[in-house]
Protein backbone atom coordinates (compact mmCIF):
# COMPACT_ATOMS: atom_id res chain seq x y z
CA MET A 1 71.50 106.90 70.94
CA LEU A 2 70.17 104.13 73.20
CA ARG A 3 73.37 102.12 72.72
CA MET A 4 75.53 105.13 73.71
CA MET A 5 73.46 105.69 76.86
CA THR A 6 73.79 102.01 77.78
CA VAL A 7 77.58 102.13 77.32
CA LEU A 8 77.79 105.34 79.35
CA ALA A 9 75.67 103.86 82.15
CA THR A 10 77.87 100.76 82.24
CA VAL A 11 81.07 102.81 82.39
CA LEU A 12 79.67 104.98 85.19
CA ALA A 13 78.55 101.93 87.15
CA VAL A 14 82.00 100.36 86.88
CA LEU A 15 83.78 103.57 87.85
CA SER A 16 81.54 104.32 90.80
CA GLY A 17 81.76 100.72 91.98
CA THR A 18 85.53 100.79 92.15
CA ALA A 19 86.16 104.36 93.28
CA GLY A 20 83.82 104.33 96.28
CA PRO A 21 85.13 101.34 98.24
CA ALA A 22 88.77 102.06 97.40
CA ALA A 23 88.47 105.60 98.75
CA ALA A 24 86.61 104.37 101.84
CA ALA A 25 89.32 101.79 102.61
CA ASP A 26 92.24 104.23 102.23
CA SER A 27 93.77 104.15 105.71
CA ARG A 28 97.45 105.03 106.02
CA LEU A 29 98.66 106.25 109.39
CA THR A 30 101.97 107.13 111.02
CA PHE A 31 102.39 106.72 114.79
CA THR A 32 105.25 108.44 116.64
CA TYR A 33 106.40 108.88 120.22
CA ALA A 34 109.82 109.68 121.65
CA ASP A 35 112.23 108.67 118.87
CA LYS A 36 110.04 105.81 117.62
CA LYS A 37 107.99 105.84 114.43
CA VAL A 38 105.86 103.21 112.69
CA ARG A 39 103.48 103.15 109.74
CA LEU A 40 100.20 101.26 109.60
CA THR A 41 97.79 100.56 106.77
CA CYS A 42 94.34 99.08 107.23
CA GLY A 43 92.34 97.56 104.37
CA PRO A 44 94.51 95.66 103.62
CA THR A 45 96.47 95.46 106.86
CA GLY A 46 100.16 96.24 106.52
CA GLY A 47 103.00 98.54 107.42
CA GLY A 48 105.60 98.13 110.12
CA HIS A 49 103.31 98.05 113.18
CA PRO A 50 104.08 94.81 115.09
CA ARG A 51 100.42 94.35 116.06
CA ALA A 52 98.83 95.68 112.87
CA ASP A 53 95.71 93.47 112.92
CA GLU A 54 94.86 94.45 116.49
CA ALA A 55 95.62 98.14 115.88
CA CYS A 56 93.37 98.20 112.80
CA ALA A 57 90.58 96.50 114.77
CA VAL A 58 90.84 99.17 117.49
CA LEU A 59 90.83 101.96 114.90
CA ARG A 60 87.73 100.50 113.23
CA ARG A 61 85.99 100.35 116.61
CA ILE A 62 86.76 104.02 117.38
CA GLY A 63 86.21 105.30 113.85
CA GLY A 64 89.87 106.26 113.47
CA ASP A 65 89.62 108.84 116.28
CA PRO A 66 92.11 108.21 119.14
CA ALA A 67 90.24 110.73 121.29
CA ARG A 68 87.52 108.05 121.59
CA LEU A 69 89.87 105.56 123.27
CA GLU A 70 88.72 104.55 126.75
CA GLY A 71 92.07 103.35 128.07
CA GLY A 72 92.83 100.54 130.47
CA ASP A 73 92.86 100.25 134.23
CA SER A 74 96.49 99.28 134.84
CA LEU A 75 98.51 101.11 137.47
CA CYS A 76 101.43 103.38 136.61
CA VAL A 77 104.11 104.87 138.84
CA LEU A 78 103.95 108.59 139.55
CA LEU A 79 107.15 109.41 137.72
CA TYR A 80 107.05 112.49 135.51
CA GLN A 81 108.86 111.73 132.25
CA PRO A 82 106.52 113.25 129.65
CA VAL A 83 106.02 111.52 126.34
CA THR A 84 104.02 112.86 123.40
CA ALA A 85 102.09 110.44 121.21
CA ARG A 86 101.28 111.57 117.67
CA LEU A 87 99.16 110.07 114.93
CA HIS A 88 98.67 111.48 111.46
CA GLY A 89 97.60 110.27 108.05
CA THR A 90 94.26 109.25 106.57
CA TRP A 91 91.55 107.02 107.96
CA ARG A 92 89.12 105.77 105.31
CA GLY A 93 90.03 108.73 103.12
CA ARG A 94 89.58 111.31 105.89
CA PRO A 95 92.60 113.25 107.23
CA VAL A 96 93.58 112.43 110.81
CA LYS A 97 95.90 114.46 113.02
CA TRP A 98 96.05 113.74 116.75
CA GLN A 99 98.55 114.50 119.51
CA ARG A 100 98.56 114.07 123.27
CA THR A 101 101.23 114.34 125.97
CA TYR A 102 101.20 111.85 128.85
CA GLY A 103 103.08 111.94 132.16
CA ASN A 104 105.17 108.90 131.17
CA SER A 105 105.21 105.98 128.75
CA CYS A 106 103.17 103.79 131.10
CA GLU A 107 100.34 106.33 131.12
CA MET A 108 100.52 106.51 127.33
CA SER A 109 100.32 102.72 126.99
CA ARG A 110 97.44 102.55 129.44
CA ALA A 111 95.48 105.21 127.53
CA THR A 112 96.23 104.13 123.96
CA GLY A 113 96.50 100.36 124.28
CA VAL A 114 97.86 98.50 121.27
CA LEU A 115 98.05 101.59 119.05
CA PHE A 116 101.37 102.79 120.47
CA GLN A 117 102.84 99.41 121.45
CA PHE A 118 105.84 99.28 119.16
């Protein structure tokens, strides 16, 4: 009986040790705007995003929530050519779905930084 409990405890410890961190690191996101689309994975970093390391660092800082971005202070022309930025997927195992329309691509870049620079 004691041996069976020891084996069971060991199996549970191994399973909980591997399932927890793997689920927490599951971050697969798709970014789209206009006719452009790119995938990004974080933990480990990968996908087709040209600045994947920087994008993952930004997402870690904001907890995977683009609504928490503070944006930059660059100037943009007042030209109305709306562009919609979209992000969907999972961030650390949690579903993420975000969308915002900006007056033009400069305003989008200013607000989202490296995330939509592809």
